[in-house]
Protein backbone atom coordinates (compact mmCIF):
# COMPACT_ATOMS: atom_id res chain seq x y z
CA MET A 1 107.02 147.09 104.91
CA ARG A 2 106.10 148.67 101.44
CA ILE A 3 103.65 146.03 101.08
CA VAL A 4 102.17 146.69 104.80
CA GLY A 5 102.29 150.11 104.14
CA LEU A 6 100.07 150.37 101.05
CA PHE A 7 97.84 147.61 102.76
CA LEU A 8 97.08 149.81 105.77
CA LEU A 9 97.53 153.42 103.92
CA ALA A 10 94.88 152.30 101.16
CA ALA A 11 92.07 151.99 103.91
CA TRP A 12 93.19 155.40 105.42
CA CYS A 13 93.25 156.96 102.44
CA ALA A 14 89.83 155.74 101.44
CA GLU A 15 87.85 156.09 104.27
CA CYS A 16 89.43 158.39 106.85
CA ALA A 17 91.67 160.87 104.87
CA TRP A 18 88.63 163.09 103.77
CA GLY A 19 87.02 162.74 107.26
CA GLY A 20 84.77 159.70 107.09
CA PHE A 21 85.95 158.46 110.53
CA THR A 22 86.99 159.73 113.59
CA PRO A 23 90.05 158.44 115.28
CA ALA A 24 87.68 156.48 117.40
CA GLY A 25 86.88 154.49 114.18
CA TYR A 26 90.51 154.00 112.95
CA PRO A 27 90.77 150.57 114.45
CA MET A 28 87.80 149.10 112.82
CA VAL A 29 88.51 150.72 109.41
CA LEU A 30 92.34 149.02 109.52
CA LEU A 31 90.92 145.80 110.49
CA PHE A 32 87.85 145.50 108.53
CA LEU A 33 88.61 147.51 105.62
CA ALA A 34 92.08 147.15 104.88
CA PRO A 35 91.66 143.92 103.08
CA LEU A 36 89.16 145.55 100.93
CA TYR A 37 90.94 148.62 100.10
CA GLY A 38 94.72 147.14 100.84
CA GLY A 39 94.08 144.06 98.93
CA ALA A 40 92.48 145.84 95.62
CA ALA A 41 95.69 148.33 95.88
CA LEU A 42 98.20 145.71 95.72
CA LEU A 43 96.27 143.49 93.33
CA ILE A 44 96.12 146.60 90.86
CA ARG A 45 99.56 147.83 91.49
CA GLU A 46 100.76 144.16 90.51
CA ALA A 47 99.10 143.85 87.57
CA GLY A 48 99.57 147.32 86.49
CA ARG A 49 103.41 147.24 87.19
CA ARG A 50 103.57 143.53 85.77
CA ALA A 51 101.93 144.69 82.20
CA GLY A 52 103.92 147.75 82.34
CA ALA A 53 100.80 149.90 82.23
CA GLY A 54 102.27 152.99 83.94
CA TRP A 55 99.84 155.67 85.53
CA PRO A 56 96.97 155.64 82.97
CA GLY A 57 96.82 152.12 82.99
CA LEU A 58 96.85 152.14 87.10
CA ALA A 59 94.03 154.60 86.78
CA LEU A 60 92.04 152.83 84.71
CA LEU A 61 92.16 149.76 86.70
CA ALA A 62 91.37 151.48 89.99
CA ALA A 63 88.30 153.00 87.99
CA ALA A 64 86.98 149.49 86.89
CA PHE A 65 87.76 148.54 91.06
CA GLY A 66 85.53 151.49 91.63
CA LEU A 67 82.79 150.58 89.59
CA VAL A 68 82.84 147.34 90.73
CA GLN A 69 83.01 148.12 94.51
CA ALA A 70 79.91 150.67 94.13
CA GLY A 71 77.95 148.52 91.80
CA LEU A 72 78.67 144.99 92.81
CA VAL A 73 80.24 144.74 96.09
CA ASP A 74 78.35 147.46 98.50
CA GLN A 75 75.95 148.37 95.69
CA SER A 76 75.71 151.92 96.77
CA LEU A 77 75.55 153.01 93.39
CA PHE A 78 72.19 151.30 92.80
CA ASP A 79 70.59 151.47 96.32
CA PRO A 80 68.56 155.08 97.19
CA ALA A 81 68.63 154.41 100.64
CA ALA A 82 72.69 153.61 100.95
CA LEU A 83 73.15 157.00 102.73
CA ALA A 84 70.07 157.07 104.66
CA GLY A 85 71.06 156.87 108.39
CA THR A 86 74.32 159.05 107.84
CA GLU A 87 75.57 162.23 107.86
CA PHE A 88 75.04 162.28 103.98
CA ALA A 89 71.23 161.52 103.53
CA ASP A 90 70.72 165.05 102.46
CA ALA A 91 73.39 164.68 99.66
CA GLY A 92 71.96 161.30 98.85
CA ARG A 93 68.88 163.06 97.82
CA GLN A 94 70.16 166.12 96.08
CA ALA A 95 72.07 163.36 93.79
CA THR A 96 68.93 162.00 92.67
CA ALA A 97 68.91 165.34 90.37
CA THR A 98 70.99 163.08 88.07
CA THR A 99 69.40 159.97 87.78
CA VAL A 100 69.63 157.83 84.77
CA PRO A 101 66.33 156.24 84.34
CA ALA A 102 67.21 153.42 82.19
CA LEU A 103 69.55 151.77 84.54
CA GLY A 104 68.49 153.29 87.87
CA PHE A 105 71.51 155.41 89.34
CA SER A 106 73.11 158.95 89.97
CA ALA A 107 75.56 159.87 87.12
CA GLU A 108 76.60 162.26 90.01
CA GLN A 109 77.40 159.73 92.41
CA LEU A 110 78.75 157.10 89.57
CA PHE A 111 81.25 160.01 88.97
CA THR A 112 81.85 161.00 93.01
CA PHE A 113 82.06 157.10 93.87
CA VAL A 114 84.28 155.90 91.14
CA GLY A 115 86.29 159.05 91.05
CA GLY A 116 86.88 158.63 94.96
CA HIS A 117 88.41 155.17 94.64
CA VAL A 118 90.46 155.97 91.74
CA TRP A 119 91.83 158.98 93.70
CA LEU A 120 92.00 158.21 96.89
CA SER A 121 91.65 154.27 97.44
CA ILE A 122 94.05 153.30 94.89
CA CYS A 123 96.55 155.47 93.11
CA ALA A 124 97.66 157.83 95.91
CA PRO A 125 98.47 155.33 98.18
CA ILE A 126 100.42 153.56 95.54
CA ALA A 127 102.38 156.87 94.61
CA LEU A 128 102.87 157.61 98.18
CA VAL A 129 104.65 154.07 98.85
CA GLU A 130 106.40 153.98 95.45
CA ALA A 131 108.15 157.37 96.35
CA CYS A 132 109.40 155.82 99.42
CA VAL A 133 111.05 152.49 98.28
CA HIS A 134 114.60 152.32 96.41
CA PRO A 135 114.43 152.96 92.65
CA GLU A 136 115.38 149.76 91.37
CA ARG A 137 111.93 148.43 93.21
CA ARG A 138 109.66 150.97 92.45
CA HIS A 139 108.19 149.79 89.37
CA THR A 140 108.82 146.17 89.85
CA PRO A 141 106.52 143.43 91.04
CA TRP A 142 106.16 143.07 94.91
CA LEU A 143 104.34 139.83 95.32
CA GLY A 144 104.96 136.60 94.47
CA PRO A 145 102.48 133.72 93.58
CA ALA A 146 102.04 132.95 97.13
CA GLY A 147 101.46 136.78 98.17
CA ILE A 148 99.08 137.48 95.22
CA THR A 149 96.97 134.24 96.36
CA VAL A 150 96.91 135.48 99.92
CA THR A 151 95.95 139.36 99.03
CA ALA A 152 93.48 138.12 96.50
CA LEU A 153 91.55 135.61 99.11
CA ALA A 154 91.99 138.51 101.65
CA TYR A 155 90.15 140.88 99.04
CA THR A 156 87.30 138.20 98.06
CA ALA A 157 86.61 137.73 101.78
CA ALA A 158 85.83 141.44 102.49
CA SER A 159 84.07 141.97 99.62
CA LEU A 160 81.60 139.00 100.51
CA VAL A 161 81.34 140.58 104.16
CA ILE A 162 80.66 143.93 102.68
CA PHE A 163 78.07 142.37 100.39
CA SER A 164 76.23 140.37 102.85
CA ASP A 165 76.07 143.24 105.04
CA SER A 166 74.65 145.47 102.30
CA GLY A 167 72.12 143.08 100.67
CA ALA A 168 71.53 142.43 96.95
CA VAL A 169 69.75 145.55 95.47
CA ALA A 170 71.12 145.47 91.82
CA GLY A 171 69.19 143.99 88.93
CA ARG A 172 70.35 141.80 85.92
CA GLY A 173 70.69 145.11 83.66
CA GLN A 174 72.56 147.13 86.25
CA ILE A 175 74.83 144.10 86.96
CA GLY A 176 75.55 143.83 83.09
CA PHE A 177 76.28 147.12 82.91
CA VAL A 178 78.87 147.14 85.46
CA VAL A 179 80.53 143.97 84.32
CA VAL A 180 80.72 145.14 80.61
CA VAL A 181 82.29 148.34 81.56
CA ALA A 182 84.78 147.00 84.07
CA VAL A 183 85.94 144.58 81.73
CA ALA A 184 86.38 147.37 79.04
CA LEU A 185 88.46 149.38 81.30
CA ILE A 186 90.61 146.46 82.25
CA ALA A 187 91.27 145.66 78.66
CA VAL A 188 92.34 148.88 77.50
CA ALA A 189 94.39 149.50 80.78
CA LEU A 190 96.24 145.83 80.08
CA LEU A 191 96.22 145.25 76.45
CA ARG A 192 97.85 148.55 75.16
CA PRO A 193 100.49 149.08 78.12
CA ARG A 194 102.91 150.28 75.64
CA ARG A 195 100.94 153.56 75.10
CA TRP A 196 101.01 153.90 78.98
CA ARG A 197 104.89 154.01 79.33
CA PRO A 198 105.89 157.39 78.37
CA PHE A 199 103.67 158.75 81.18
CA ALA A 200 104.48 159.33 84.95
CA GLY A 201 108.17 158.27 85.21
CA HIS A 202 107.45 154.56 84.30
CA PRO A 203 110.19 153.20 82.75
CA SER A 204 110.18 150.56 79.72
CA PRO A 205 111.08 146.87 81.15
CA ARG A 206 114.55 147.23 79.75
CA PRO A 207 115.69 150.92 80.16
CA ARG A 208 118.54 151.66 78.10
CA PRO A 209 121.28 153.84 79.29
CA GLY A 210 122.33 156.99 77.60
CA PRO A 211 122.61 160.60 77.47
CA ARG A 212 119.66 162.58 78.16
CA PRO A 213 117.91 163.67 74.66
CA ARG A 214 118.59 166.99 72.91
CA PRO A 215 115.50 169.20 72.63
CA ARG A 216 113.52 168.13 69.17
CA PRO A 217 114.08 170.94 66.51
CA ARG A 218 110.80 172.40 64.98
CA ARG A 219 110.41 174.52 61.77
CA GLY A 220 111.89 178.13 62.25
CA GLY A 221 114.39 177.10 64.38
CA ALA A 222 112.75 176.46 67.36
CA VAL A 223 113.24 173.59 69.62
CA THR A 224 111.23 171.72 72.20
CA SER A 225 111.82 169.42 75.06
CA PRO A 226 110.22 165.93 75.91
CA PRO A 227 106.66 166.27 77.44
CA GLY A 228 106.84 167.40 80.94
CA GLU A 229 110.51 168.52 80.73
CA GLY A 230 111.05 171.53 82.86
CA VAL A 231 107.75 171.74 84.15
CA PRO A 232 107.93 172.56 88.33
CA VAL A 233 106.82 169.89 90.49
CA LEU A 234 104.81 172.63 92.44
CA TRP A 235 102.86 173.34 89.38
CA VAL A 236 101.69 169.72 88.84
CA GLY A 237 100.29 169.82 92.72
CA GLY A 238 98.92 173.23 92.47
CA VAL A 239 96.71 172.50 89.27
CA VAL A 240 95.62 169.44 90.54
CA ALA A 241 94.52 170.88 93.71
CA ALA A 242 92.77 173.51 92.01
CA GLY A 243 90.92 170.84 90.05
CA HIS A 244 89.75 169.36 93.08
CA LEU A 245 88.77 172.52 94.91
CA ALA A 246 86.89 173.54 91.82
CA GLY A 247 84.47 170.88 91.99
CA TRP A 248 83.63 171.98 95.58
CA PHE A 249 81.65 174.70 94.03
CA PHE A 250 79.69 173.00 91.22
CA PRO A 251 75.93 172.32 92.22
CA ALA A 252 74.45 168.69 92.03
CA SER A 253 73.00 168.92 88.71
CA TRP A 254 73.50 168.26 85.34
CA THR A 255 75.19 171.33 84.51
CA GLY A 256 77.41 170.97 87.76
CA LEU A 257 78.17 167.20 86.76
CA ALA A 258 79.28 168.44 83.09
CA LEU A 259 81.65 171.39 84.67
CA ARG A 260 83.04 168.79 87.11
CA VAL A 261 84.04 166.27 84.20
CA LEU A 262 85.36 169.17 82.13
CA THR A 263 87.45 170.00 84.90
CA VAL A 264 88.99 166.40 85.46
CA ALA A 265 89.19 166.35 81.81
CA VAL A 266 91.64 169.50 81.42
CA VAL A 267 93.58 168.56 84.43
CA VAL A 268 93.92 164.90 83.10
CA ALA A 269 95.10 166.27 79.91
CA LEU A 270 97.56 168.79 81.38
CA MET A 271 99.02 165.63 83.62
CA LEU A 272 99.52 163.47 80.55
CA ARG A 273 101.77 166.13 79.20
CA TRP A 274 103.24 167.48 82.28
CA VAL A 275 103.82 164.24 84.72
CA SER A 276 107.10 162.88 83.29
CA SER A 277 108.90 161.41 86.48
CA THR A 278 108.16 160.19 89.77
CA ALA A 279 108.27 163.38 91.68
CA HIS A 280 105.50 164.46 89.09
CA ALA A 281 103.41 161.83 89.72
CA LEU A 282 103.83 161.95 93.40
CA ALA A 283 102.50 165.75 93.35
CA ALA A 284 99.56 165.25 91.16
CA TRP A 285 98.32 162.34 93.50
CA SER A 286 99.26 163.57 96.95
CA ALA A 287 97.57 166.83 96.10
CA GLY A 288 94.29 165.09 96.20
CA VAL A 289 95.21 163.59 99.61
CA LEU A 290 95.94 167.00 100.96
CA VAL A 291 92.57 168.60 99.28
CA ALA A 292 90.85 165.64 101.16
CA ALA A 293 92.36 166.50 104.24
CA ALA A 294 91.64 170.24 104.12
CA GLY A 295 87.87 168.96 103.22
CA ALA A 296 87.75 166.77 106.40
CA TRP A 297 87.08 170.20 108.37
CA LEU A 298 84.07 170.88 106.59
CA THR A 299 82.61 167.13 106.15
CA PRO A 300 80.93 165.17 108.86
CA PRO A 301 81.93 161.51 109.61
CA TYR A 302 79.60 158.88 108.56
CA GLN A 303 78.13 159.00 111.89
CA ALA A 304 77.32 161.94 114.03
CA ALA A 305 80.19 162.24 116.88
CA SER A 306 80.67 165.13 119.49
CA PRO A 307 82.28 168.27 118.50
CA ALA A 308 85.20 167.42 120.23
CA MET A 309 85.65 164.29 118.66
CA MET A 310 85.09 165.80 115.38
CA LEU A 311 87.69 168.42 115.98
CA ALA A 312 90.18 165.73 117.12
CA GLY A 313 89.54 163.77 113.72
CA ASP A 314 89.98 166.75 111.80
CA ILE A 315 93.45 167.65 113.52
CA VAL A 316 94.42 164.04 113.16
CA THR A 317 93.48 163.73 109.51
CA THR A 318 95.45 167.07 108.34
CA LEU A 319 98.38 165.72 110.62
CA VAL A 320 98.55 162.17 109.08
CA ALA A 321 98.14 163.68 105.67
CA VAL A 322 100.64 166.15 105.66
CA GLY A 323 103.07 164.18 107.69
CA VAL A 324 102.95 161.27 104.88
CA VAL A 325 103.33 163.40 102.21
CA THR A 326 106.02 165.05 103.65
CA PHE A 327 107.43 161.80 104.28
CA ALA A 328 107.19 160.53 100.62
CA PHE A 329 108.74 163.69 99.29
CA ARG A 330 111.79 163.57 101.70
CA ARG A 331 112.24 159.95 101.20
CA LEU A 332 112.43 160.51 97.51
CA ARG A 333 114.67 163.49 97.75
CA SER A 334 116.87 161.58 100.05
CA ARG A 335 117.32 158.96 97.12
CA SER A 336 118.24 161.72 94.39
CA TYR A 337 121.70 160.79 94.45
CA LEU A 338 120.83 157.49 92.75
CA PRO A 339 120.39 157.60 88.88
CA ARG A 340 117.23 159.16 87.87
CA THR A 341 114.56 157.76 85.40
CA THR A 342 114.69 159.86 82.45
CA TYR A 343 112.69 160.57 79.55
CA ALA A 344 114.91 158.39 77.33
CA GLU A 345 113.73 155.52 79.82
CA CYS A 346 110.07 156.31 79.91
CA ALA A 347 109.52 156.66 76.27
CA PRO A 348 109.33 153.49 74.04
CA SER A 349 112.63 153.05 71.86
CA SER A 350 111.98 153.75 67.93
CA THR A 351 114.87 151.55 67.07
CA ASN A 352 116.44 148.28 68.57
CA ALA A 353 119.93 149.51 68.32
CA PRO A 354 121.39 150.45 71.89
CA PRO A 355 122.53 154.17 72.23
CA THR A 356 126.36 154.65 72.30
CA LYS A 357 127.98 156.15 75.19
CA GLN A 358 129.45 159.56 74.15
CA LYS A 359 132.77 160.60 75.13
CA GLY A 360 132.95 162.26 78.36
CA SER A 361 129.62 161.38 79.28
CA ASN A 362 129.07 161.15 83.15
CA ASP A 363 125.72 159.01 82.87
CA HIS A 364 125.85 155.60 84.23
CA PRO A 365 124.38 152.61 82.85
């Protein structure tokens, strides 16, 4: 069920959570786009979890996917007419204010397209589904060789269908730019996985049992706790939601883009320090889904629809988003009686000697 759930949820989050389609278009999205987004989410999760990359690594892999999707598959990044004939034609014209002449694309669209894929297409669905599974399976591989092969073939077939429908508009220089940047993102994500393990509740491949670490002393007698220790989950979700909402008010200009990048940098820096458990990660990524569902009330679908159908779409989108997020948190809480991932399990061990169990400790290996 977890594989099917991620397969379908990724497609819904990518194209429906923000109001891109009304409920009448949901069957088409799940039938034709689930292999594209669901297949990518499964493959990225599989590669990241097998490498022990953690959430920062998964986000970099998702960014590589988003760049390839927008630059090579549908090539909307390089096609000035990509949004023509849709309800977003005006947004496409406004994005030309941040055109990069040497490469022929809008920096605003690059940020929006890639960020949307990281946020909604890949990471949020993974966080929601992982929160629902047993802790022992949460960060382990889900696909065998046959599953990886079938998923890769489904993703490739869906990408070819989208490419054939969009047409080839990217030049050699643009293709080279996408390939170089995507390969660099993948290399950073997979070749240095140890740097990612302390974040977002991702355990070491060999978790070490032992008591919870004591606060570390500092000069002057003060003590510090591990990063993220004691930060309320609600704060994490609130800060991420505030960052998303702030982006609504920035203009489509170089100044607005700079403000968006600065906002994301601040939020990411806080998350790298605060997110230290599965609940934190779920709050961070699901906040974006809820903000997207709220934005659906202000966003038209790709194709014009009747007011009644748009209202129905907004209601259904809100109910599905709130329902999925609530279900994920309830499932995560229902398993709270099981041994939880501690900071000691998340951080790389500085010694090869296994910790000794203290007398009277209630921790279980």
